[in-house]
Amino acid sequence: MTKIDLILKTPLFANNNFRDSLQVFIESQLTDVYNKKIDLKNIDAFLIFNTSYNLQDEISIAVRNAKVYIDFSHNAGDKILQNLIFLFLLYSLEKYPDNESWIDFLRENDDVKSKIIQNGITDVWLKLQSNLILNDLHNEIKNFENSFDDLPF
């Protein structure tokens, strides 16, 4: 079974109100971690990525914890699945901002939803990575003369 199939089998796609519960739960978990109010609809990429441009461990932990507190059935040991669910949640909040559009999406057949999940996760990932790279390109080097490693030759 693919990760997309696993995502489709989660309660996220069985109950239209579950997405809101998952959003609130993850925002609460991340707010506790960062001691800063987190809004997934406007989350700063710098909060969710580490310096290697990977999702912070706190992301998968927040999704994993949802299993216990809001009965979000999924493989709680699968960090990749949790990160993919998080990325799709971000996409769904942007693409389907209101309950009516979310319900319309849920009514689609699984083939359509699978394609949207795949494309949505890819779109969010690329957009977030692009924002980080653009920031790196436009940040000033603070200590220019010591910012380059000596060449080994």
Protein backbone atom coordinates (compact mmCIF):
# COMPACT_ATOMS: atom_id res chain seq x y z
CA MET A 1 0.00 0.00 0.00
CA THR A 2 1.35 3.46 -0.89
CA LYS A 3 1.63 6.41 1.47
CA ILE A 4 -1.11 8.15 -0.53
CA ASP A 5 -3.41 5.17 0.09
CA LEU A 6 -2.54 5.29 3.80
CA ILE A 7 -3.34 9.01 3.92
CA LEU A 8 -6.67 8.40 2.16
CA LYS A 9 -7.57 5.81 4.81
CA THR A 10 -7.11 8.25 7.71
CA PRO A 11 -10.08 9.91 9.46
CA LEU A 12 -9.06 13.11 7.70
CA PHE A 13 -11.02 11.86 4.68
CA ALA A 14 -13.89 10.19 6.52
CA ASN A 15 -15.31 13.15 8.43
CA ASN A 16 -15.32 16.70 7.08
CA ASN A 17 -14.96 18.18 10.59
CA PHE A 18 -11.87 16.15 11.39
CA ARG A 19 -9.56 18.45 9.44
CA ASP A 20 -10.47 21.35 11.73
CA SER A 21 -9.81 19.20 14.81
CA LEU A 22 -6.44 18.11 13.44
CA GLN A 23 -5.53 21.70 12.58
CA VAL A 24 -6.40 22.98 16.06
CA PHE A 25 -4.57 20.10 17.72
CA ILE A 26 -1.36 20.56 15.71
CA GLU A 27 -1.45 24.34 16.19
CA SER A 28 -1.81 23.78 19.93
CA GLN A 29 1.06 21.28 20.02
CA LEU A 30 3.38 23.57 18.04
CA THR A 31 2.34 26.62 20.07
CA ASP A 32 3.43 24.74 23.21
CA VAL A 33 6.75 23.75 21.62
CA TYR A 34 7.66 27.19 20.26
CA ASN A 35 6.02 29.32 22.99
CA LYS A 36 4.53 31.34 20.16
CA LYS A 37 1.01 31.30 18.71
CA ILE A 38 1.05 29.09 15.61
CA ASP A 39 -1.46 29.45 12.77
CA LEU A 40 -1.07 26.75 10.11
CA LYS A 41 -2.72 28.97 7.52
CA ASN A 42 0.16 31.46 7.90
CA ILE A 43 2.99 29.40 9.32
CA ASP A 44 6.52 30.66 8.88
CA ALA A 45 8.70 28.15 7.04
CA PHE A 46 11.54 28.91 9.46
CA LEU A 47 9.51 27.36 12.28
CA ILE A 48 8.89 24.08 10.55
CA PHE A 49 12.27 23.46 8.86
CA ASN A 50 15.62 22.81 10.46
CA THR A 51 18.90 24.18 9.10
CA SER A 52 19.19 21.18 6.74
CA TYR A 53 15.82 22.10 5.16
CA ASN A 54 14.11 19.06 6.67
CA LEU A 55 10.88 19.27 8.61
CA GLN A 56 11.46 19.71 12.32
CA ASP A 57 10.91 16.59 14.43
CA GLU A 58 8.24 18.54 16.32
CA ILE A 59 6.02 18.31 13.22
CA SER A 60 5.88 14.51 13.14
CA ILE A 61 5.59 14.41 16.93
CA ALA A 62 2.55 16.72 16.81
CA VAL A 63 0.87 14.51 14.19
CA ARG A 64 1.84 11.39 16.16
CA ASN A 65 0.34 12.86 19.33
CA ALA A 66 -2.92 13.45 17.47
CA LYS A 67 -3.39 9.67 17.49
CA VAL A 68 -3.71 9.67 21.25
CA TYR A 69 -5.73 12.83 21.83
CA ILE A 70 -8.10 13.04 18.86
CA ASP A 71 -8.05 9.41 17.73
CA PHE A 72 -6.20 10.16 14.51
CA SER A 73 -5.66 6.56 13.45
CA HIS A 74 -2.45 6.07 11.52
CA ASN A 75 0.90 4.33 11.92
CA ALA A 76 2.30 6.42 14.77
CA GLY A 77 5.81 5.14 14.07
CA ASP A 78 5.89 6.38 10.48
CA LYS A 79 7.56 9.80 10.58
CA ILE A 80 7.46 10.16 6.79
CA LEU A 81 3.72 9.53 6.73
CA GLN A 82 3.24 12.08 9.51
CA ASN A 83 5.23 14.70 7.62
CA LEU A 84 3.25 14.02 4.45
CA ILE A 85 -0.02 14.37 6.36
CA PHE A 86 1.20 17.68 7.77
CA LEU A 87 2.17 18.97 4.32
CA PHE A 88 -1.19 17.93 2.89
CA LEU A 89 -2.96 19.61 5.80
CA LEU A 90 -1.16 22.85 4.95
CA TYR A 91 -2.15 22.45 1.30
CA SER A 92 -5.78 21.67 2.11
CA LEU A 93 -6.10 24.73 4.36
CA GLU A 94 -4.89 26.93 1.51
CA LYS A 95 -6.71 25.21 -1.35
CA TYR A 96 -9.97 24.45 0.50
CA PRO A 97 -10.21 27.25 3.07
CA ASP A 98 -13.88 26.79 3.94
CA ASN A 99 -15.87 23.75 4.95
CA GLU A 100 -17.95 23.71 1.75
CA SER A 101 -14.93 23.48 -0.55
CA TRP A 102 -13.40 20.83 1.73
CA ILE A 103 -16.62 18.77 1.56
CA ASP A 104 -16.61 19.10 -2.23
CA PHE A 105 -13.06 17.74 -2.26
CA LEU A 106 -14.02 14.83 0.02
CA ARG A 107 -16.80 13.87 -2.41
CA GLU A 108 -14.28 13.29 -5.21
CA ASN A 109 -13.36 9.71 -6.05
CA ASP A 110 -10.16 8.24 -4.63
CA ASP A 111 -8.24 8.54 -7.90
CA VAL A 112 -8.87 12.29 -8.04
CA LYS A 113 -8.08 12.71 -4.35
CA SER A 114 -4.86 10.69 -4.74
CA LYS A 115 -3.67 12.96 -7.53
CA ILE A 116 -4.59 16.08 -5.55
CA ILE A 117 -2.79 14.76 -2.46
CA GLN A 118 0.35 14.04 -4.48
CA ASN A 119 0.32 17.38 -6.28
CA GLY A 120 -0.64 19.29 -3.15
CA ILE A 121 2.18 17.89 -1.04
CA THR A 122 4.65 18.57 -3.83
CA ASP A 123 3.37 22.14 -4.28
CA VAL A 124 3.59 22.95 -0.57
CA TRP A 125 7.05 21.39 -0.25
CA LEU A 126 8.42 23.31 -3.23
CA LYS A 127 6.86 26.58 -2.11
CA LEU A 128 8.28 26.28 1.42
CA GLN A 129 11.72 25.24 0.17
CA SER A 130 11.71 28.10 -2.34
CA ASN A 131 10.94 30.59 0.43
CA LEU A 132 13.86 29.30 2.50
CA ILE A 133 16.28 29.41 -0.41
CA LEU A 134 15.21 32.92 -1.42
CA ASN A 135 15.74 34.05 2.16
CA ASP A 136 19.24 32.53 2.15
CA LEU A 137 20.05 34.30 -1.12
CA HIS A 138 18.94 37.68 0.18
CA ASN A 139 20.40 37.54 3.68
CA GLU A 140 23.52 39.56 4.17
CA ILE A 141 26.66 37.81 5.25
CA LYS A 142 27.42 39.20 8.69
CA ASN A 143 31.14 38.56 8.78
CA PHE A 144 32.18 38.55 5.13
CA GLU A 145 35.93 38.09 5.51
CA ASN A 146 35.45 34.91 7.60
CA SER A 147 32.49 33.52 5.69
CA PHE A 148 34.39 31.32 3.24
CA ASP A 149 36.33 28.19 4.03
CA ASP A 150 39.92 28.04 2.90
CA LEU A 151 40.41 25.94 -0.17
CA PRO A 152 42.25 22.69 0.50
CA PHE A 153 44.84 23.40 -2.22
